[in-house]
Amino acid sequence: MRPPPVRSGSTPPPTTPPASPRPSWDRPLAAYPALRVSTEAGYFTAATGTDAVNARALTEDQAAAGHSLAPCYVRWQASRNRDQLRRERLDMVLLHNPVRVHSGDRRILHRAIRDRARASSRARA
């Protein structure tokens, strides 16, 4: 199909199609305020461990482990995720593999989970 002829003094037709809107998966999360958002804390990459050490959320020994549910780290990670997701609040913070934080005593495990849950509930808000 041929493009229509250009008349003198008129604007030629565009040679490229108009830009299409961004696909839904590429829009900022802020475009979906009703969408519920969750994140998790626990395992992390070496780069995240370094960031957490620099932010004083973890010690170097804790960062070397690649997993932490220390309350300070959970608060830091949830805050970081809120910033990255551009959300004022997270709907849920999941604790990834909490069994790694206990020595086999179920009472200690339950207390540790409660402590982390308190830290994550403060971090969500």
PDB file of N, CA and C in Angstrom:
ATOM      1  N   MET A   1       0.839  -1.167   0.000  1.00  0.00           N
ATOM      2  CA  MET A   1       0.000   0.000   0.000  1.00  0.00           C
ATOM      3  C   MET A   1       0.888   1.235   0.000  1.00  0.00           C
ATOM      4  N   ARG A   2       0.616   2.146  -0.862  1.00  0.00           N
ATOM      5  CA  ARG A   2       1.403   3.372  -0.980  1.00  0.00           C
ATOM      6  C   ARG A   2       0.903   4.434  -0.018  1.00  0.00           C
ATOM      7  N   PRO A   3       1.841   5.234   0.512  1.00  0.00           N
ATOM      8  CA  PRO A   3       1.392   6.344   1.351  1.00  0.00           C
ATOM      9  C   PRO A   3       0.743   7.398   0.477  1.00  0.00           C
ATOM     10  N   PRO A   4      -0.170   8.183   1.040  1.00  0.00           N
ATOM     11  CA  PRO A   4      -0.822   9.221   0.241  1.00  0.00           C
ATOM     12  C   PRO A   4       0.202  10.269  -0.197  1.00  0.00           C
ATOM     13  N   PRO A   5      -0.042  10.912  -1.318  1.00  0.00           N
ATOM     14  CA  PRO A   5       0.907  11.924  -1.779  1.00  0.00           C
ATOM     15  C   PRO A   5       0.899  13.131  -0.843  1.00  0.00           C
ATOM     16  N   VAL A   6       2.055  13.784  -0.743  1.00  0.00           N
ATOM     17  CA  VAL A   6       2.190  14.966   0.104  1.00  0.00           C
ATOM     18  C   VAL A   6       1.946  16.188  -0.768  1.00  0.00           C
ATOM     19  N   ARG A   7       1.022  17.016  -0.369  1.00  0.00           N
ATOM     20  CA  ARG A   7       0.738  18.240  -1.094  1.00  0.00           C
ATOM     21  C   ARG A   7       1.653  19.347  -0.610  1.00  0.00           C
ATOM     22  N   SER A   8       1.908  20.257  -1.429  1.00  0.00           N
ATOM     23  CA  SER A   8       2.755  21.387  -1.087  1.00  0.00           C
ATOM     24  C   SER A   8       2.161  22.130   0.093  1.00  0.00           C
ATOM     25  N   GLY A   9       2.997  22.416   1.097  1.00  0.00           N
ATOM     26  CA  GLY A   9       2.555  23.161   2.262  1.00  0.00           C
ATOM     27  C   GLY A   9       1.930  22.295   3.340  1.00  0.00           C
ATOM     28  N   SER A  10       1.747  21.002   3.087  1.00  0.00           N
ATOM     29  CA  SER A  10       1.165  20.143   4.126  1.00  0.00           C
ATOM     30  C   SER A  10       2.274  19.358   4.824  1.00  0.00           C
ATOM     31  N   THR A  11       1.959  18.844   5.967  1.00  0.00           N
ATOM     32  CA  THR A  11       2.916  18.053   6.732  1.00  0.00           C
ATOM     33  C   THR A  11       2.903  16.622   6.215  1.00  0.00           C
ATOM     34  N   PRO A  12       4.076  16.052   5.942  1.00  0.00           N
ATOM     35  CA  PRO A  12       4.103  14.668   5.466  1.00  0.00           C
ATOM     36  C   PRO A  12       3.612  13.724   6.569  1.00  0.00           C
ATOM     37  N   PRO A  13       3.072  12.582   6.191  1.00  0.00           N
ATOM     38  CA  PRO A  13       2.611  11.622   7.197  1.00  0.00           C
ATOM     39  C   PRO A  13       3.810  11.092   7.984  1.00  0.00           C
ATOM     40  N   PRO A  14       3.570  10.672   9.210  1.00  0.00           N
ATOM     41  CA  PRO A  14       4.688  10.151  10.006  1.00  0.00           C
ATOM     42  C   PRO A  14       5.241   8.887   9.380  1.00  0.00           C
ATOM     43  N   THR A  15       6.541   8.711   9.507  1.00  0.00           N
ATOM     44  CA  THR A  15       7.178   7.519   8.938  1.00  0.00           C
ATOM     45  C   THR A  15       7.267   6.388   9.953  1.00  0.00           C
ATOM     46  N   THR A  16       7.089   6.710  11.213  1.00  0.00           N
ATOM     47  CA  THR A  16       7.093   5.661  12.234  1.00  0.00           C
ATOM     48  C   THR A  16       5.755   5.676  12.952  1.00  0.00           C
ATOM     49  N   PRO A  17       5.305   4.527  13.378  1.00  0.00           N
ATOM     50  CA  PRO A  17       4.026   4.493  14.096  1.00  0.00           C
ATOM     51  C   PRO A  17       4.155   5.217  15.422  1.00  0.00           C
ATOM     52  N   PRO A  18       3.052   5.736  15.942  1.00  0.00           N
ATOM     53  CA  PRO A  18       3.116   6.413  17.233  1.00  0.00           C
ATOM     54  C   PRO A  18       3.544   5.426  18.323  1.00  0.00           C
ATOM     55  N   ALA A  19       4.193   5.942  19.321  1.00  0.00           N
ATOM     56  CA  ALA A  19       4.659   5.090  20.422  1.00  0.00           C
ATOM     57  C   ALA A  19       3.461   4.476  21.132  1.00  0.00           C
ATOM     58  N   SER A  20       3.547   3.200  21.392  1.00  0.00           N
ATOM     59  CA  SER A  20       2.462   2.535  22.110  1.00  0.00           C
ATOM     60  C   SER A  20       2.665   2.735  23.601  1.00  0.00           C
ATOM     61  N   PRO A  21       1.597   2.655  24.385  1.00  0.00           N
ATOM     62  CA  PRO A  21       1.758   2.813  25.832  1.00  0.00           C
ATOM     63  C   PRO A  21       2.625   1.684  26.385  1.00  0.00           C
ATOM     64  N   ARG A  22       3.238   1.951  27.518  1.00  0.00           N
ATOM     65  CA  ARG A  22       4.087   0.935  28.137  1.00  0.00           C
ATOM     66  C   ARG A  22       3.247  -0.286  28.488  1.00  0.00           C
ATOM     67  N   PRO A  23       3.808  -1.470  28.332  1.00  0.00           N
ATOM     68  CA  PRO A  23       3.055  -2.670  28.734  1.00  0.00           C
ATOM     69  C   PRO A  23       2.790  -2.650  30.234  1.00  0.00           C
ATOM     70  N   SER A  24       1.742  -3.322  30.665  1.00  0.00           N
ATOM     71  CA  SER A  24       1.344  -3.273  32.076  1.00  0.00           C
ATOM     72  C   SER A  24       2.452  -3.773  33.003  1.00  0.00           C
ATOM     73  N   TRP A  25       3.262  -4.740  32.569  1.00  0.00           N
ATOM     74  CA  TRP A  25       4.312  -5.269  33.432  1.00  0.00           C
ATOM     75  C   TRP A  25       5.447  -4.280  33.619  1.00  0.00           C
ATOM     76  N   ASP A  26       5.486  -3.212  32.823  1.00  0.00           N
ATOM     77  CA  ASP A  26       6.575  -2.245  32.904  1.00  0.00           C
ATOM     78  C   ASP A  26       6.134  -0.941  33.568  1.00  0.00           C
ATOM     79  N   ARG A  27       4.910  -0.863  34.039  1.00  0.00           N
ATOM     80  CA  ARG A  27       4.431   0.353  34.700  1.00  0.00           C
ATOM     81  C   ARG A  27       4.869   0.340  36.155  1.00  0.00           C
ATOM     82  N   PRO A  28       5.095   1.528  36.715  1.00  0.00           N
ATOM     83  CA  PRO A  28       5.463   1.566  38.137  1.00  0.00           C
ATOM     84  C   PRO A  28       4.351   0.972  38.996  1.00  0.00           C
ATOM     85  N   LEU A  29       4.747   0.346  40.067  1.00  0.00           N
ATOM     86  CA  LEU A  29       3.787  -0.268  40.978  1.00  0.00           C
ATOM     87  C   LEU A  29       2.808   0.762  41.518  1.00  0.00           C
ATOM     88  N   ALA A  30       3.227   2.005  41.585  1.00  0.00           N
ATOM     89  CA  ALA A  30       2.342   3.072  42.075  1.00  0.00           C
ATOM     90  C   ALA A  30       1.104   3.234  41.198  1.00  0.00           C
ATOM     91  N   ALA A  31       1.175   2.756  39.955  1.00  0.00           N
ATOM     92  CA  ALA A  31       0.020   2.849  39.059  1.00  0.00           C
ATOM     93  C   ALA A  31      -1.094   1.891  39.484  1.00  0.00           C
ATOM     94  N   TYR A  32      -0.816   1.018  40.431  1.00  0.00           N
ATOM     95  CA  TYR A  32      -1.789   0.025  40.889  1.00  0.00           C
ATOM     96  C   TYR A  32      -1.947   0.119  42.405  1.00  0.00           C
ATOM     97  N   PRO A  33      -2.520   1.191  42.927  1.00  0.00           N
ATOM     98  CA  PRO A  33      -2.581   1.372  44.383  1.00  0.00           C
ATOM     99  C   PRO A  33      -3.397   0.310  45.110  1.00  0.00           C
ATOM    100  N   ALA A  34      -4.323  -0.341  44.453  1.00  0.00           N
ATOM    101  CA  ALA A  34      -5.143  -1.356  45.123  1.00  0.00           C
ATOM    102  C   ALA A  34      -4.440  -2.719  45.181  1.00  0.00           C
ATOM    103  N   LEU A  35      -3.354  -2.863  44.452  1.00  0.00           N
ATOM    104  CA  LEU A  35      -2.625  -4.126  44.436  1.00  0.00           C
ATOM    105  C   LEU A  35      -1.943  -4.354  45.776  1.00  0.00           C
ATOM    106  N   ARG A  36      -2.173  -5.514  46.358  1.00  0.00           N
ATOM    107  CA  ARG A  36      -1.539  -5.845  47.634  1.00  0.00           C
ATOM    108  C   ARG A  36      -0.114  -6.303  47.362  1.00  0.00           C
ATOM    109  N   VAL A  37       0.815  -5.890  48.220  1.00  0.00           N
ATOM    110  CA  VAL A  37       2.234  -6.145  47.995  1.00  0.00           C
ATOM    111  C   VAL A  37       2.830  -6.881  49.185  1.00  0.00           C
ATOM    112  N   SER A  38       3.579  -7.928  48.888  1.00  0.00           N
ATOM    113  CA  SER A  38       4.314  -8.632  49.940  1.00  0.00           C
ATOM    114  C   SER A  38       5.785  -8.687  49.550  1.00  0.00           C
ATOM    115  N   THR A  39       6.608  -8.930  50.528  1.00  0.00           N
ATOM    116  CA  THR A  39       8.037  -9.098  50.299  1.00  0.00           C
ATOM    117  C   THR A  39       8.525 -10.120  51.309  1.00  0.00           C
ATOM    118  N   GLU A  40       9.773 -10.503  51.205  1.00  0.00           N
ATOM    119  CA  GLU A  40      10.291 -11.451  52.176  1.00  0.00           C
ATOM    120  C   GLU A  40      11.679 -11.045  52.624  1.00  0.00           C
ATOM    121  N   ALA A  41      12.039 -11.519  53.776  1.00  0.00           N
ATOM    122  CA  ALA A  41      13.367 -11.294  54.326  1.00  0.00           C
ATOM    123  C   ALA A  41      13.904 -12.645  54.747  1.00  0.00           C
ATOM    124  N   GLY A  42      15.188 -12.810  54.651  1.00  0.00           N
ATOM    125  CA  GLY A  42      15.817 -14.068  55.031  1.00  0.00           C
ATOM    126  C   GLY A  42      17.082 -14.260  54.222  1.00  0.00           C
ATOM    127  N   TYR A  43      16.980 -14.995  53.131  1.00  0.00           N
ATOM    128  CA  TYR A  43      18.135 -15.197  52.256  1.00  0.00           C
ATOM    129  C   TYR A  43      18.445 -13.914  51.501  1.00  0.00           C
ATOM    130  N   PHE A  44      19.713 -13.706  51.188  1.00  0.00           N
ATOM    131  CA  PHE A  44      20.099 -12.513  50.429  1.00  0.00           C
ATOM    132  C   PHE A  44      21.371 -12.789  49.644  1.00  0.00           C
ATOM    133  N   THR A  45      21.583 -11.967  48.635  1.00  0.00           N
ATOM    134  CA  THR A  45      22.781 -12.082  47.801  1.00  0.00           C
ATOM    135  C   THR A  45      23.966 -11.451  48.533  1.00  0.00           C
ATOM    136  N   ALA A  46      25.159 -11.697  48.027  1.00  0.00           N
ATOM    137  CA  ALA A  46      26.363 -11.102  48.616  1.00  0.00           C
ATOM    138  C   ALA A  46      26.286  -9.580  48.544  1.00  0.00           C
ATOM    139  N   ALA A  47      25.764  -9.050  47.437  1.00  0.00           N
ATOM    140  CA  ALA A  47      25.655  -7.589  47.286  1.00  0.00           C
ATOM    141  C   ALA A  47      24.696  -7.007  48.326  1.00  0.00           C
ATOM    142  N   THR A  48      23.574  -7.683  48.555  1.00  0.00           N
ATOM    143  CA  THR A  48      22.634  -7.206  49.572  1.00  0.00           C
ATOM    144  C   THR A  48      23.258  -7.312  50.956  1.00  0.00           C
ATOM    145  N   GLY A  49      24.012  -8.375  51.203  1.00  0.00           N
ATOM    146  CA  GLY A  49      24.708  -8.521  52.477  1.00  0.00           C
ATOM    147  C   GLY A  49      25.682  -7.375  52.715  1.00  0.00           C
ATOM    148  N   THR A  50      26.409  -6.994  51.673  1.00  0.00           N
ATOM    149  CA  THR A  50      27.333  -5.861  51.775  1.00  0.00           C
ATOM    150  C   THR A  50      26.581  -4.573  52.075  1.00  0.00           C
ATOM    151  N   ASP A  51      25.463  -4.367  51.372  1.00  0.00           N
ATOM    152  CA  ASP A  51      24.642  -3.174  51.633  1.00  0.00           C
ATOM    153  C   ASP A  51      24.145  -3.155  53.067  1.00  0.00           C
ATOM    154  N   ALA A  52      23.725  -4.330  53.572  1.00  0.00           N
ATOM    155  CA  ALA A  52      23.215  -4.415  54.942  1.00  0.00           C
ATOM    156  C   ALA A  52      24.321  -4.140  55.954  1.00  0.00           C
ATOM    157  N   VAL A  53      25.532  -4.607  55.687  1.00  0.00           N
ATOM    158  CA  VAL A  53      26.671  -4.314  56.573  1.00  0.00           C
ATOM    159  C   VAL A  53      26.955  -2.821  56.557  1.00  0.00           C
ATOM    160  N   ASN A  54      26.966  -2.229  55.367  1.00  0.00           N
ATOM    161  CA  ASN A  54      27.218  -0.784  55.257  1.00  0.00           C
ATOM    162  C   ASN A  54      26.141   0.035  55.965  1.00  0.00           C
ATOM    163  N   ALA A  55      24.914  -0.484  55.997  1.00  0.00           N
ATOM    164  CA  ALA A  55      23.813   0.202  56.687  1.00  0.00           C
ATOM    165  C   ALA A  55      23.758  -0.156  58.174  1.00  0.00           C
ATOM    166  N   ARG A  56      24.683  -1.008  58.616  1.00  0.00           N
ATOM    167  CA  ARG A  56      24.755  -1.485  59.998  1.00  0.00           C
ATOM    168  C   ARG A  56      23.537  -2.292  60.416  1.00  0.00           C
ATOM    169  N   ALA A  57      22.920  -2.949  59.436  1.00  0.00           N
ATOM    170  CA  ALA A  57      21.800  -3.838  59.740  1.00  0.00           C
ATOM    171  C   ALA A  57      22.298  -5.251  60.025  1.00  0.00           C
ATOM    172  N   LEU A  58      23.500  -5.569  59.567  1.00  0.00           N
ATOM    173  CA  LEU A  58      24.124  -6.867  59.801  1.00  0.00           C
ATOM    174  C   LEU A  58      25.597  -6.671  60.135  1.00  0.00           C
ATOM    175  N   THR A  59      26.158  -7.646  60.834  1.00  0.00           N
ATOM    176  CA  THR A  59      27.605  -7.678  61.007  1.00  0.00           C
ATOM    177  C   THR A  59      28.193  -8.404  59.804  1.00  0.00           C
ATOM    178  N   GLU A  60      29.490  -8.327  59.638  1.00  0.00           N
ATOM    179  CA  GLU A  60      30.127  -9.035  58.520  1.00  0.00           C
ATOM    180  C   GLU A  60      29.931 -10.544  58.649  1.00  0.00           C
ATOM    181  N   ASP A  61      29.982 -11.060  59.872  1.00  0.00           N
ATOM    182  CA  ASP A  61      29.770 -12.503  60.075  1.00  0.00           C
ATOM    183  C   ASP A  61      28.347 -12.899  59.686  1.00  0.00           C
ATOM    184  N   GLN A  62      27.368 -12.095  60.067  1.00  0.00           N
ATOM    185  CA  GLN A  62      25.976 -12.392  59.696  1.00  0.00           C
ATOM    186  C   GLN A  62      25.815 -12.342  58.178  1.00  0.00           C
ATOM    187  N   ALA A  63      26.438 -11.361  57.541  1.00  0.00           N
ATOM    188  CA  ALA A  63      26.323 -11.226  56.087  1.00  0.00           C
ATOM    189  C   ALA A  63      26.962 -12.416  55.377  1.00  0.00           C
ATOM    190  N   ALA A  64      28.041 -12.934  55.919  1.00  0.00           N
ATOM    191  CA  ALA A  64      28.722 -14.074  55.301  1.00  0.00           C
ATOM    192  C   ALA A  64      27.838 -15.316  55.276  1.00  0.00           C
ATOM    193  N   ALA A  65      26.884 -15.399  56.202  1.00  0.00           N
ATOM    194  CA  ALA A  65      25.991 -16.563  56.272  1.00  0.00           C
ATOM    195  C   ALA A  65      24.994 -16.598  55.118  1.00  0.00           C
ATOM    196  N   GLY A  66      24.688 -15.432  54.519  1.00  0.00           N
ATOM    197  CA  GLY A  66      23.741 -15.394  53.399  1.00  0.00           C
ATOM    198  C   GLY A  66      22.280 -15.505  53.802  1.00  0.00           C
ATOM    199  N   HIS A  67      22.014 -15.503  55.105  1.00  0.00           N
ATOM    200  CA  HIS A  67      20.643 -15.594  55.614  1.00  0.00           C
ATOM    201  C   HIS A  67      20.604 -14.954  56.990  1.00  0.00           C
ATOM    202  N   SER A  68      19.604 -14.133  57.220  1.00  0.00           N
ATOM    203  CA  SER A  68      19.439 -13.560  58.544  1.00  0.00           C
ATOM    204  C   SER A  68      17.986 -13.166  58.751  1.00  0.00           C
ATOM    205  N   LEU A  69      17.520 -13.419  59.952  1.00  0.00           N
ATOM    206  CA  LEU A  69      16.208 -12.918  60.376  1.00  0.00           C
ATOM    207  C   LEU A  69      16.369 -12.061  61.621  1.00  0.00           C
ATOM    208  N   ALA A  70      17.563 -11.499  61.803  1.00  0.00           N
ATOM    209  CA  ALA A  70      17.785 -10.582  62.918  1.00  0.00           C
ATOM    210  C   ALA A  70      16.801  -9.429  62.774  1.00  0.00           C
ATOM    211  N   PRO A  71      16.138  -9.029  63.864  1.00  0.00           N
ATOM    212  CA  PRO A  71      15.131  -7.965  63.761  1.00  0.00           C
ATOM    213  C   PRO A  71      15.634  -6.704  63.054  1.00  0.00           C
ATOM    214  N   CYS A  72      16.863  -6.303  63.322  1.00  0.00           N
ATOM    215  CA  CYS A  72      17.410  -5.106  62.671  1.00  0.00           C
ATOM    216  C   CYS A  72      17.477  -5.306  61.150  1.00  0.00           C
ATOM    217  N   TYR A  73      17.878  -6.516  60.726  1.00  0.00           N
ATOM    218  CA  TYR A  73      17.951  -6.800  59.294  1.00  0.00           C
ATOM    219  C   TYR A  73      16.553  -6.854  58.664  1.00  0.00           C
ATOM    220  N   VAL A  74      15.612  -7.481  59.350  1.00  0.00           N
ATOM    221  CA  VAL A  74      14.241  -7.570  58.820  1.00  0.00           C
ATOM    222  C   VAL A  74      13.668  -6.167  58.617  1.00  0.00           C
ATOM    223  N   ARG A  75      13.846  -5.292  59.603  1.00  0.00           N
ATOM    224  CA  ARG A  75      13.364  -3.903  59.460  1.00  0.00           C
ATOM    225  C   ARG A  75      14.055  -3.209  58.289  1.00  0.00           C
ATOM    226  N   TRP A  76      15.382  -3.361  58.185  1.00  0.00           N
ATOM    227  CA  TRP A  76      16.140  -2.726  57.109  1.00  0.00           C
ATOM    228  C   TRP A  76      15.684  -3.242  55.748  1.00  0.00           C
ATOM    229  N   GLN A  77      15.548  -4.564  55.617  1.00  0.00           N
ATOM    230  CA  GLN A  77      15.163  -5.146  54.329  1.00  0.00           C
ATOM    231  C   GLN A  77      13.754  -4.721  53.922  1.00  0.00           C
ATOM    232  N   ALA A  78      12.822  -4.701  54.869  1.00  0.00           N
ATOM    233  CA  ALA A  78      11.457  -4.275  54.545  1.00  0.00           C
ATOM    234  C   ALA A  78      11.440  -2.801  54.129  1.00  0.00           C
ATOM    235  N   SER A  79      12.207  -1.985  54.810  1.00  0.00           N
ATOM    236  CA  SER A  79      12.290  -0.564  54.444  1.00  0.00           C
ATOM    237  C   SER A  79      12.889  -0.396  53.054  1.00  0.00           C
ATOM    238  N   ARG A  80      13.932  -1.141  52.782  1.00  0.00           N
ATOM    239  CA  ARG A  80      14.574  -1.097  51.459  1.00  0.00           C
ATOM    240  C   ARG A  80      13.594  -1.538  50.375  1.00  0.00           C
ATOM    241  N   ASN A  81      12.849  -2.603  50.647  1.00  0.00           N
ATOM    242  CA  ASN A  81      11.873  -3.076  49.661  1.00  0.00           C
ATOM    243  C   ASN A  81      10.759  -2.062  49.447  1.00  0.00           C
ATOM    244  N   ARG A  82      10.312  -1.401  50.516  1.00  0.00           N
ATOM    245  CA  ARG A  82       9.310  -0.337  50.346  1.00  0.00           C
ATOM    246  C   ARG A  82       9.842   0.747  49.412  1.00  0.00           C
ATOM    247  N   ASP A  83      11.092   1.137  49.624  1.00  0.00           N
ATOM    248  CA  ASP A  83      11.694   2.164  48.765  1.00  0.00           C
ATOM    249  C   ASP A  83      11.798   1.682  47.319  1.00  0.00           C
ATOM    250  N   GLN A  84      12.277   0.442  47.134  1.00  0.00           N
ATOM    251  CA  GLN A  84      12.439  -0.097  45.778  1.00  0.00           C
ATOM    252  C   GLN A  84      11.101  -0.241  45.061  1.00  0.00           C
ATOM    253  N   LEU A  85      10.073  -0.611  45.801  1.00  0.00           N
ATOM    254  CA  LEU A  85       8.745  -0.798  45.216  1.00  0.00           C
ATOM    255  C   LEU A  85       7.940   0.499  45.162  1.00  0.00           C
ATOM    256  N   ARG A  86       8.504   1.558  45.742  1.00  0.00           N
ATOM    257  CA  ARG A  86       7.840   2.868  45.788  1.00  0.00           C
ATOM    258  C   ARG A  86       6.460   2.768  46.435  1.00  0.00           C
ATOM    259  N   ARG A  87       6.431   2.088  47.572  1.00  0.00           N
ATOM    260  CA  ARG A  87       5.189   1.940  48.334  1.00  0.00           C
ATOM    261  C   ARG A  87       5.426   2.492  49.738  1.00  0.00           C
ATOM    262  N   GLU A  88       4.428   3.170  50.271  1.00  0.00           N
ATOM    263  CA  GLU A  88       4.536   3.667  51.636  1.00  0.00           C
ATOM    264  C   GLU A  88       4.418   2.540  52.639  1.00  0.00           C
ATOM    265  N   ARG A  89       3.725   1.483  52.229  1.00  0.00           N
ATOM    266  CA  ARG A  89       3.421   0.385  53.148  1.00  0.00           C
ATOM    267  C   ARG A  89       3.441  -0.933  52.388  1.00  0.00           C
ATOM    268  N   LEU A  90       3.915  -1.975  53.054  1.00  0.00           N
ATOM    269  CA  LEU A  90       3.846  -3.331  52.510  1.00  0.00           C
ATOM    270  C   LEU A  90       2.704  -4.052  53.217  1.00  0.00           C
ATOM    271  N   ASP A  91       1.988  -4.877  52.487  1.00  0.00           N
ATOM    272  CA  ASP A  91       0.865  -5.590  53.089  1.00  0.00           C
ATOM    273  C   ASP A  91       1.316  -6.794  53.901  1.00  0.00           C
ATOM    274  N   MET A  92       2.449  -7.374  53.520  1.00  0.00           N
ATOM    275  CA  MET A  92       2.923  -8.558  54.225  1.00  0.00           C
ATOM    276  C   MET A  92       4.430  -8.678  54.065  1.00  0.00           C
ATOM    277  N   VAL A  93       5.097  -9.074  55.152  1.00  0.00           N
ATOM    278  CA  VAL A  93       6.522  -9.392  55.105  1.00  0.00           C
ATOM    279  C   VAL A  93       6.653 -10.851  55.523  1.00  0.00           C
ATOM    280  N   LEU A  94       7.167 -11.661  54.623  1.00  0.00           N
ATOM    281  CA  LEU A  94       7.342 -13.086  54.893  1.00  0.00           C
ATOM    282  C   LEU A  94       8.743 -13.335  55.429  1.00  0.00           C
ATOM    283  N   LEU A  95       8.858 -14.251  56.374  1.00  0.00           N
ATOM    284  CA  LEU A  95      10.155 -14.642  56.907  1.00  0.00           C
ATOM    285  C   LEU A  95      10.585 -15.909  56.193  1.00  0.00           C
ATOM    286  N   HIS A  96      11.649 -15.808  55.420  1.00  0.00           N
ATOM    287  CA  HIS A  96      12.093 -16.924  54.609  1.00  0.00           C
ATOM    288  C   HIS A  96      12.933 -17.880  55.438  1.00  0.00           C
ATOM    289  N   ASN A  97      12.452 -19.111  55.572  1.00  0.00           N
ATOM    290  CA  ASN A  97      13.131 -20.204  56.249  1.00  0.00           C
ATOM    291  C   ASN A  97      13.488 -19.876  57.706  1.00  0.00           C
ATOM    292  N   PRO A  98      12.479 -19.607  58.534  1.00  0.00           N
ATOM    293  CA  PRO A  98      12.770 -19.240  59.926  1.00  0.00           C
ATOM    294  C   PRO A  98      13.399 -20.358  60.747  1.00  0.00           C
ATOM    295  N   VAL A  99      13.335 -21.601  60.300  1.00  0.00           N
ATOM    296  CA  VAL A  99      13.926 -22.684  61.089  1.00  0.00           C
ATOM    297  C   VAL A  99      15.438 -22.569  61.176  1.00  0.00           C
ATOM    298  N   ARG A 100      16.041 -21.750  60.348  1.00  0.00           N
ATOM    299  CA  ARG A 100      17.495 -21.575  60.413  1.00  0.00           C
ATOM    300  C   ARG A 100      17.939 -20.781  61.628  1.00  0.00           C
ATOM    301  N   VAL A 101      17.012 -20.177  62.357  1.00  0.00           N
ATOM    302  CA  VAL A 101      17.400 -19.293  63.463  1.00  0.00           C
ATOM    303  C   VAL A 101      17.324 -19.977  64.827  1.00  0.00           C
ATOM    304  N   HIS A 102      17.109 -21.274  64.876  1.00  0.00           N
ATOM    305  CA  HIS A 102      16.995 -21.907  66.189  1.00  0.00           C
ATOM    306  C   HIS A 102      17.941 -23.082  66.319  1.00  0.00           C
ATOM    307  N   SER A 103      18.133 -23.462  67.557  1.00  0.00           N
ATOM    308  CA  SER A 103      19.097 -24.522  67.866  1.00  0.00           C
ATOM    309  C   SER A 103      18.429 -25.878  68.075  1.00  0.00           C
ATOM    310  N   GLY A 104      17.157 -26.004  67.759  1.00  0.00           N
ATOM    311  CA  GLY A 104      16.444 -27.255  67.973  1.00  0.00           C
ATOM    312  C   GLY A 104      15.393 -27.152  69.058  1.00  0.00           C
ATOM    313  N   ASP A 105      15.446 -26.126  69.855  1.00  0.00           N
ATOM    314  CA  ASP A 105      14.470 -25.922  70.924  1.00  0.00           C
ATOM    315  C   ASP A 105      13.274 -25.155  70.346  1.00  0.00           C
ATOM    316  N   ARG A 106      12.097 -25.792  70.359  1.00  0.00           N
ATOM    317  CA  ARG A 106      10.905 -25.171  69.755  1.00  0.00           C
ATOM    318  C   ARG A 106      10.505 -23.867  70.444  1.00  0.00           C
ATOM    319  N   ARG A 107      10.705 -23.788  71.764  1.00  0.00           N
ATOM    320  CA  ARG A 107      10.371 -22.536  72.456  1.00  0.00           C
ATOM    321  C   ARG A 107      11.233 -21.384  71.947  1.00  0.00           C
ATOM    322  N   ILE A 108      12.505 -21.670  71.723  1.00  0.00           N
ATOM    323  CA  ILE A 108      13.411 -20.638  71.192  1.00  0.00           C
ATOM    324  C   ILE A 108      12.980 -20.254  69.779  1.00  0.00           C
ATOM    325  N   LEU A 109      12.614 -21.259  68.971  1.00  0.00           N
ATOM    326  CA  LEU A 109      12.149 -20.979  67.608  1.00  0.00           C
ATOM    327  C   LEU A 109      10.897 -20.103  67.626  1.00  0.00           C
ATOM    328  N   HIS A 110       9.926 -20.452  68.445  1.00  0.00           N
ATOM    329  CA  HIS A 110       8.682 -19.668  68.505  1.00  0.00           C
ATOM    330  C   HIS A 110       8.945 -18.241  68.980  1.00  0.00           C
ATOM    331  N   ARG A 111       9.822 -18.106  69.974  1.00  0.00           N
ATOM    332  CA  ARG A 111      10.159 -16.763  70.450  1.00  0.00           C
ATOM    333  C   ARG A 111      10.868 -15.974  69.344  1.00  0.00           C
ATOM    334  N   ALA A 112      11.775 -16.615  68.634  1.00  0.00           N
ATOM    335  CA  ALA A 112      12.490 -15.938  67.543  1.00  0.00           C
ATOM    336  C   ALA A 112      11.527 -15.498  66.442  1.00  0.00           C
ATOM    337  N   ILE A 113      10.565 -16.356  66.111  1.00  0.00           N
ATOM    338  CA  ILE A 113       9.583 -16.000  65.072  1.00  0.00           C
ATOM    339  C   ILE A 113       8.729 -14.827  65.546  1.00  0.00           C
ATOM    340  N   ARG A 114       8.309 -14.854  66.816  1.00  0.00           N
ATOM    341  CA  ARG A 114       7.525 -13.729  67.343  1.00  0.00           C
ATOM    342  C   ARG A 114       8.322 -12.422  67.296  1.00  0.00           C
ATOM    343  N   ASP A 115       9.604 -12.489  67.686  1.00  0.00           N
ATOM    344  CA  ASP A 115      10.453 -11.291  67.650  1.00  0.00           C
ATOM    345  C   ASP A 115      10.577 -10.755  66.228  1.00  0.00           C
ATOM    346  N   ARG A 116      10.754 -11.658  65.270  1.00  0.00           N
ATOM    347  CA  ARG A 116      10.891 -11.232  63.860  1.00  0.00           C
ATOM    348  C   ARG A 116       9.567 -10.704  63.331  1.00  0.00           C
ATOM    349  N   ALA A 117       8.466 -11.311  63.770  1.00  0.00           N
ATOM    350  CA  ALA A 117       7.161 -10.839  63.344  1.00  0.00           C
ATOM    351  C   ALA A 117       6.903  -9.425  63.861  1.00  0.00           C
ATOM    352  N   ARG A 118       7.300  -9.153  65.093  1.00  0.00           N
ATOM    353  CA  ARG A 118       7.163  -7.792  65.622  1.00  0.00           C
ATOM    354  C   ARG A 118       8.001  -6.811  64.796  1.00  0.00           C
ATOM    355  N   ALA A 119       9.211  -7.217  64.468  1.00  0.00           N
ATOM    356  CA  ALA A 119      10.085  -6.339  63.679  1.00  0.00           C
ATOM    357  C   ALA A 119       9.486  -6.104  62.300  1.00  0.00           C
ATOM    358  N   SER A 120       8.943  -7.155  61.689  1.00  0.00           N
ATOM    359  CA  SER A 120       8.390  -6.978  60.350  1.00  0.00           C
ATOM    360  C   SER A 120       7.095  -6.174  60.377  1.00  0.00           C
ATOM    361  N   SER A 121       6.297  -6.289  61.462  1.00  0.00           N
ATOM    362  CA  SER A 121       5.061  -5.499  61.515  1.00  0.00           C
ATOM    363  C   SER A 121       5.383  -4.020  61.672  1.00  0.00           C
ATOM    364  N   ARG A 122       6.429  -3.696  62.399  1.00  0.00           N
ATOM    365  CA  ARG A 122       6.850  -2.295  62.508  1.00  0.00           C
ATOM    366  C   ARG A 122       7.418  -1.817  61.158  1.00  0.00           C
ATOM    367  N   ALA A 123       8.099  -2.692  60.450  1.00  0.00           N
ATOM    368  CA  ALA A 123       8.713  -2.320  59.184  1.00  0.00           C
ATOM    369  C   ALA A 123       7.680  -2.159  58.079  1.00  0.00           C
ATOM    370  N   ARG A 124       6.545  -2.865  58.166  1.00  0.00           N
ATOM    371  CA  ARG A 124       5.507  -2.774  57.121  1.00  0.00           C
ATOM    372  C   ARG A 124       4.874  -1.403  57.091  1.00  0.00           C
ATOM    373  N   ALA A 125       4.689  -0.810  58.253  1.00  0.00           N
ATOM    374  CA  ALA A 125       3.953   0.460  58.344  1.00  0.00           C
ATOM    375  C   ALA A 125       4.758   1.638  57.834  1.00  0.00           C
TER     376      ALA A 125
END
